[in-house]
Amino acid sequence: VQLQASGGGLVQAGGSLRLSCAASGLTFRRYVIGWFRQAPGKEREFVAAIGGNGINKSYADSVKGRFTMSRDNAKNTVSLQMNSLKPEDTAVYYCAAAFRAHSNVVVTTDSSYDYWGQGTQVTVSS
């Protein structure tokens, strides 16, 4: 299984970025896909997750209304549209996959995820 995250970069506060995660080696629709982030000196935290059906989603309170997650099961990809970025969004962002038999399940705890990508850096300048 491979998860490849991309789309990170440097952006000014108030700007937008779109992260992508491409998956291979798994039955994609059977997996919840989550985004987590880790800032320097801080613990990894949940950002967003989407169920296999692409309908059920969960967002951290800190990103609700600003970030939107979507998936394309035909292309084995997920996206995280990040708008109104703030300096506190600066972190390495990781996508992860968790197998769940039911496509309406969403998982928010990192220990529940089976596979992780390599991360992509997002830096928001003030």
Protein backbone atom coordinates (compact mmCIF):
# COMPACT_ATOMS: atom_id res chain seq x y z
CA VAL A 1 0.00 0.00 0.00
CA GLN A 2 1.24 3.45 -0.88
CA LEU A 3 -0.17 6.85 -0.05
CA GLN A 4 1.39 9.82 -1.79
CA ALA A 5 0.56 13.26 -0.45
CA SER A 6 1.23 16.36 -2.53
CA GLY A 7 0.23 19.98 -2.94
CA GLY A 8 1.92 21.59 0.02
CA GLY A 9 3.79 24.85 -0.22
CA LEU A 10 4.23 28.37 1.08
CA VAL A 11 1.22 30.67 1.11
CA GLN A 12 0.30 33.94 2.77
CA ALA A 13 -2.31 34.10 5.49
CA GLY A 14 -5.76 34.17 3.95
CA GLY A 15 -4.64 32.18 0.94
CA SER A 16 -5.56 28.71 -0.24
CA LEU A 17 -3.90 25.41 -0.99
CA ARG A 18 -5.23 22.11 -2.25
CA LEU A 19 -3.63 18.94 -0.97
CA SER A 20 -3.99 15.64 -2.76
CA CYS A 21 -3.41 12.07 -1.66
CA ALA A 22 -3.06 9.31 -4.23
CA ALA A 23 -3.48 5.74 -3.03
CA SER A 24 -2.39 2.45 -4.55
CA GLY A 25 -2.31 -1.18 -3.53
CA LEU A 26 -5.63 -1.20 -1.69
CA THR A 27 -9.35 -1.47 -2.38
CA PHE A 28 -9.75 2.26 -2.05
CA ARG A 29 -13.49 2.43 -1.41
CA ARG A 30 -13.05 0.18 1.62
CA TYR A 31 -10.85 2.70 3.37
CA VAL A 32 -11.53 5.78 5.39
CA ILE A 33 -8.99 8.42 4.39
CA GLY A 34 -7.86 10.94 6.95
CA TRP A 35 -5.63 13.98 7.04
CA PHE A 36 -3.49 14.69 10.06
CA ARG A 37 -0.91 17.37 10.69
CA GLN A 38 2.08 17.88 12.92
CA ALA A 39 3.64 21.21 13.69
CA PRO A 40 7.18 21.51 15.11
CA GLY A 41 7.22 20.65 18.79
CA LYS A 42 3.59 19.58 18.79
CA GLU A 43 1.78 16.28 18.69
CA ARG A 44 0.14 15.03 15.53
CA GLU A 45 -3.48 16.12 15.34
CA PHE A 46 -6.55 15.15 13.36
CA VAL A 47 -7.61 17.50 10.58
CA ALA A 48 -10.30 15.79 8.49
CA ALA A 49 -11.55 12.39 7.39
CA ILE A 50 -13.90 11.01 4.79
CA GLY A 51 -15.69 7.68 4.66
CA GLY A 52 -15.48 5.28 1.77
CA ASN A 53 -18.79 6.52 0.42
CA GLY A 54 -17.45 10.04 0.04
CA ILE A 55 -20.45 11.39 1.94
CA ASN A 56 -19.66 11.01 5.62
CA LYS A 57 -16.98 13.44 6.75
CA SER A 58 -15.51 14.80 9.94
CA TYR A 59 -13.46 17.93 10.53
CA ALA A 60 -11.48 19.25 13.45
CA ASP A 61 -13.11 22.29 15.02
CA SER A 62 -10.07 24.38 14.10
CA VAL A 63 -10.64 23.85 10.36
CA LYS A 64 -14.43 23.65 10.08
CA GLY A 65 -15.76 26.07 7.51
CA ARG A 66 -12.31 26.56 5.99
CA PHE A 67 -11.23 23.08 4.85
CA THR A 68 -13.19 20.73 2.61
CA MET A 69 -12.33 17.13 1.95
CA SER A 70 -13.46 15.10 -1.05
CA ARG A 71 -12.59 11.83 -2.72
CA ASP A 72 -12.73 10.23 -6.14
CA ASN A 73 -13.02 6.47 -5.77
CA ALA A 74 -12.58 5.96 -9.51
CA LYS A 75 -9.14 7.62 -9.35
CA ASN A 76 -8.11 6.47 -5.85
CA THR A 77 -7.52 10.03 -4.76
CA VAL A 78 -8.64 12.40 -2.04
CA SER A 79 -8.30 16.15 -1.87
CA LEU A 80 -8.21 18.64 0.96
CA GLN A 81 -9.15 22.14 -0.12
CA MET A 82 -7.77 24.57 2.43
CA ASN A 83 -9.07 28.14 2.35
CA SER A 84 -8.55 31.14 4.62
CA LEU A 85 -5.28 29.68 5.80
CA LYS A 86 -3.80 30.90 9.06
CA PRO A 87 -0.21 30.79 10.35
CA GLU A 88 -1.32 28.21 12.89
CA ASP A 89 -2.15 25.86 10.00
CA THR A 90 1.58 25.55 9.35
CA ALA A 91 2.55 21.88 9.69
CA VAL A 92 3.46 18.74 7.85
CA TYR A 93 0.23 17.22 6.57
CA TYR A 94 -0.14 13.46 6.32
CA CYS A 95 -2.81 11.38 4.66
CA ALA A 96 -3.68 8.01 6.14
CA ALA A 97 -5.96 5.07 5.36
CA ALA A 98 -8.05 2.97 7.72
CA PHE A 99 -9.88 -0.15 6.58
CA ARG A 100 -13.54 -0.18 7.47
CA ALA A 101 -16.09 -2.66 6.13
CA HIS A 102 -18.85 -0.05 6.18
CA SER A 103 -18.43 2.90 3.86
CA ASN A 104 -20.29 5.34 6.10
CA VAL A 105 -17.76 5.08 8.94
CA VAL A 106 -15.40 7.95 9.67
CA VAL A 107 -12.36 7.61 11.95
CA THR A 108 -10.67 10.48 13.73
CA THR A 109 -8.02 8.85 15.95
CA ASP A 110 -4.58 8.34 14.46
CA SER A 111 -4.10 4.99 16.18
CA SER A 112 -6.98 3.60 14.12
CA TYR A 113 -5.22 4.16 10.81
CA ASP A 114 -3.40 1.34 9.07
CA TYR A 115 -1.30 3.13 6.45
CA TRP A 116 0.37 6.53 6.28
CA GLY A 117 1.81 8.68 3.54
CA GLN A 118 5.08 10.58 3.72
CA GLY A 119 3.68 14.03 4.43
CA THR A 120 3.70 17.37 2.65
CA GLN A 121 4.80 20.66 4.19
CA VAL A 122 2.33 23.54 4.44
CA THR A 123 3.71 26.88 5.55
CA VAL A 124 1.47 29.89 6.06
CA SER A 125 3.20 33.23 6.49
CA SER A 126 1.66 36.10 8.41
